[in-house]
Every structure is written in C-alpha cells, then in structure tokens.
C-alpha cells in the first residue's frame, strides 16, 4: 500500500514545528549552570513548547512527550529521560504536581538563559 503524498498535521504539531526550528546553546549560561549541551537543548525545547513560566495559557507546562522531544532532537528517549532528571535535580525544570509527565522550566532557567538571550538580542 502506497503512503499518501500529503500529511495532515494537527494544530499542535504545526505550532510545535514553528516554535522549535532550532536551539542555540549559549555557552556562558550552560557552563554556569553546569549542564551538558543535550540538557541545555532539552530545557530549551521544554521552555519554547511550554511558553515559559509566565505563560498563562499552558501554565508554562510542556505537553510534548519525552519521545516527541527525542524525535525533534534526533536523539534517544533515554537521553531525554536522563536530561529531564538532571535538569529537575538542578532546579531548572519542575514537574506538574499531579501530572508528572508535564514539565516546565523554572525562574532559574529564565533568569540565567532567557535574560541572557534578551541581552544578546539587544546588542544586534
């Protein structure tokens, strides 16, 4: 059976593609936070898909599964699992109190990474 030549995508899938086209690893914040490049990229995706801690619509929580994040990054799900555990231990992401699969970045991530991005953007 031949695959269809077109693909129907949900609104969430379209939005996901728009929000996560790339991830720029900022060396300074990554080094100060003591995290790997993979951990940085996982947190960055979580932040972008969740809208950050200030998001009113999603409460900042990322609804993408670890498998989806792994697929977006082209890495193994176990790598994402390890990154999420490490990021949670470092206080850079937090899990939803009742739905443990949902995670969001914390104010610590925002203050260290997103404010640095803003500074870089202003310099251009």
Protein backbone atom coordinates (compact mmCIF):
# COMPACT_ATOMS: atom_id res chain seq x y z
CA UNK A 1 0.00 0.00 0.00
CA UNK A 2 1.38 3.37 -1.03
CA UNK A 3 1.73 6.20 1.51
CA UNK A 4 -0.35 9.31 0.85
CA UNK A 5 1.59 12.16 -0.74
CA UNK A 6 0.30 14.67 1.78
CA UNK A 7 0.28 14.72 5.52
CA UNK A 8 -2.42 16.15 7.73
CA UNK A 9 -0.99 17.82 10.80
CA UNK A 10 -2.81 18.88 13.92
CA UNK A 11 -2.65 22.50 15.06
CA UNK A 12 -0.38 21.41 17.93
CA UNK A 13 2.05 19.74 15.50
CA UNK A 14 2.13 22.85 13.31
CA UNK A 15 2.70 25.08 16.34
CA UNK A 16 5.43 22.73 17.61
CA UNK A 17 7.28 22.95 14.29
CA UNK A 18 7.05 26.74 14.33
CA UNK A 19 8.34 27.09 17.89
CA UNK A 20 11.21 24.60 17.67
CA UNK A 21 13.11 25.10 14.47
CA UNK A 22 16.48 25.27 16.16
CA UNK A 23 18.17 25.59 19.50
CA UNK A 24 21.16 27.81 20.12
CA UNK A 25 23.25 26.62 23.04
CA UNK A 26 24.55 29.63 24.95
CA UNK A 27 27.97 28.68 26.23
CA UNK A 28 28.08 31.09 29.20
CA UNK A 29 24.78 30.10 30.81
CA UNK A 30 25.34 26.41 30.00
CA UNK A 31 28.73 26.48 31.69
CA UNK A 32 27.47 28.47 34.72
CA UNK A 33 24.57 26.04 35.16
CA UNK A 34 26.90 23.04 34.83
CA UNK A 35 24.75 21.24 32.26
CA UNK A 36 25.55 19.42 29.04
CA UNK A 37 24.63 20.68 25.58
CA UNK A 38 21.92 17.99 25.36
CA UNK A 39 20.47 19.08 28.70
CA UNK A 40 20.51 22.69 27.51
CA UNK A 41 18.67 21.78 24.32
CA UNK A 42 16.07 19.67 26.14
CA UNK A 43 15.36 22.53 28.58
CA UNK A 44 15.20 24.97 25.68
CA UNK A 45 12.62 22.85 23.87
CA UNK A 46 10.58 22.47 27.07
CA UNK A 47 10.71 26.25 27.56
CA UNK A 48 9.67 27.05 24.00
CA UNK A 49 6.84 24.50 23.84
CA UNK A 50 5.52 25.45 27.26
CA UNK A 51 5.78 29.16 26.73
CA UNK A 52 7.94 29.61 29.83
CA UNK A 53 6.89 30.18 33.44
CA UNK A 54 4.95 33.34 32.55
CA UNK A 55 2.65 31.55 30.09
CA UNK A 56 -0.97 31.94 31.11
CA UNK A 57 -2.43 29.52 28.56
CA UNK A 58 -0.43 26.40 29.40
CA UNK A 59 0.83 27.40 32.82
CA UNK A 60 4.26 27.10 31.26
CA UNK A 61 3.96 23.30 31.07
CA UNK A 62 5.24 21.46 28.03
CA UNK A 63 2.74 18.91 26.75
CA UNK A 64 5.21 17.19 24.41
CA UNK A 65 6.15 13.68 25.45
CA UNK A 66 9.77 12.72 26.05
CA UNK A 67 9.52 10.60 22.90
CA UNK A 68 8.41 13.64 20.89
CA UNK A 69 11.27 15.71 22.27
CA UNK A 70 13.71 12.93 21.42
CA UNK A 71 12.32 12.77 17.88
CA UNK A 72 12.62 16.56 17.46
CA UNK A 73 16.25 16.42 18.56
CA UNK A 74 17.13 13.22 16.71
CA UNK A 75 18.29 11.51 19.89
CA UNK A 76 17.28 8.52 22.00
CA UNK A 77 14.40 8.84 24.51
CA UNK A 78 16.71 7.59 27.28
CA UNK A 79 18.94 10.60 26.68
CA UNK A 80 15.92 12.86 27.15
CA UNK A 81 14.93 10.92 30.31
CA UNK A 82 18.41 11.47 31.78
CA UNK A 83 18.38 15.13 30.79
CA UNK A 84 14.97 15.70 32.39
CA UNK A 85 16.10 14.02 35.63
CA UNK A 86 19.31 16.05 35.71
CA UNK A 87 17.52 19.32 34.91
CA UNK A 88 14.95 18.67 37.65
CA UNK A 89 17.73 17.94 40.16
CA UNK A 90 19.43 21.20 39.17
CA UNK A 91 16.19 23.14 39.68
CA UNK A 92 15.95 24.17 36.04
CA UNK A 93 12.70 22.35 35.30
CA UNK A 94 9.87 21.22 37.52
CA UNK A 95 7.21 18.56 37.16
CA UNK A 96 3.49 19.23 37.41
CA UNK A 97 2.24 18.30 40.91
CA UNK A 98 -0.40 15.84 39.70
CA UNK A 99 0.65 15.04 36.11
CA UNK A 100 4.29 14.02 36.36
CA UNK A 101 4.73 13.76 32.57
CA UNK A 102 4.27 17.54 32.26
CA UNK A 103 7.31 19.68 32.92
CA UNK A 104 8.19 23.36 32.67
CA UNK A 105 11.26 25.49 33.04
CA UNK A 106 11.72 27.40 36.27
CA UNK A 107 12.54 31.01 37.07
CA UNK A 108 16.15 29.85 37.48
CA UNK A 109 16.25 28.87 33.77
CA UNK A 110 14.53 32.09 32.77
CA UNK A 111 16.88 34.30 34.79
CA UNK A 112 20.02 32.54 33.64
CA UNK A 113 19.21 31.77 29.99
CA UNK A 114 16.31 33.81 28.66
CA UNK A 115 17.57 37.09 30.10
CA UNK A 116 20.96 36.37 28.51
CA UNK A 117 19.18 35.83 25.16
CA UNK A 118 17.50 39.20 25.55
CA UNK A 119 20.85 40.89 26.19
CA UNK A 120 22.31 39.27 23.08
CA UNK A 121 19.29 40.32 21.03
CA UNK A 122 19.65 43.94 22.16
CA UNK A 123 23.32 44.03 21.14
CA UNK A 124 22.49 43.26 17.50
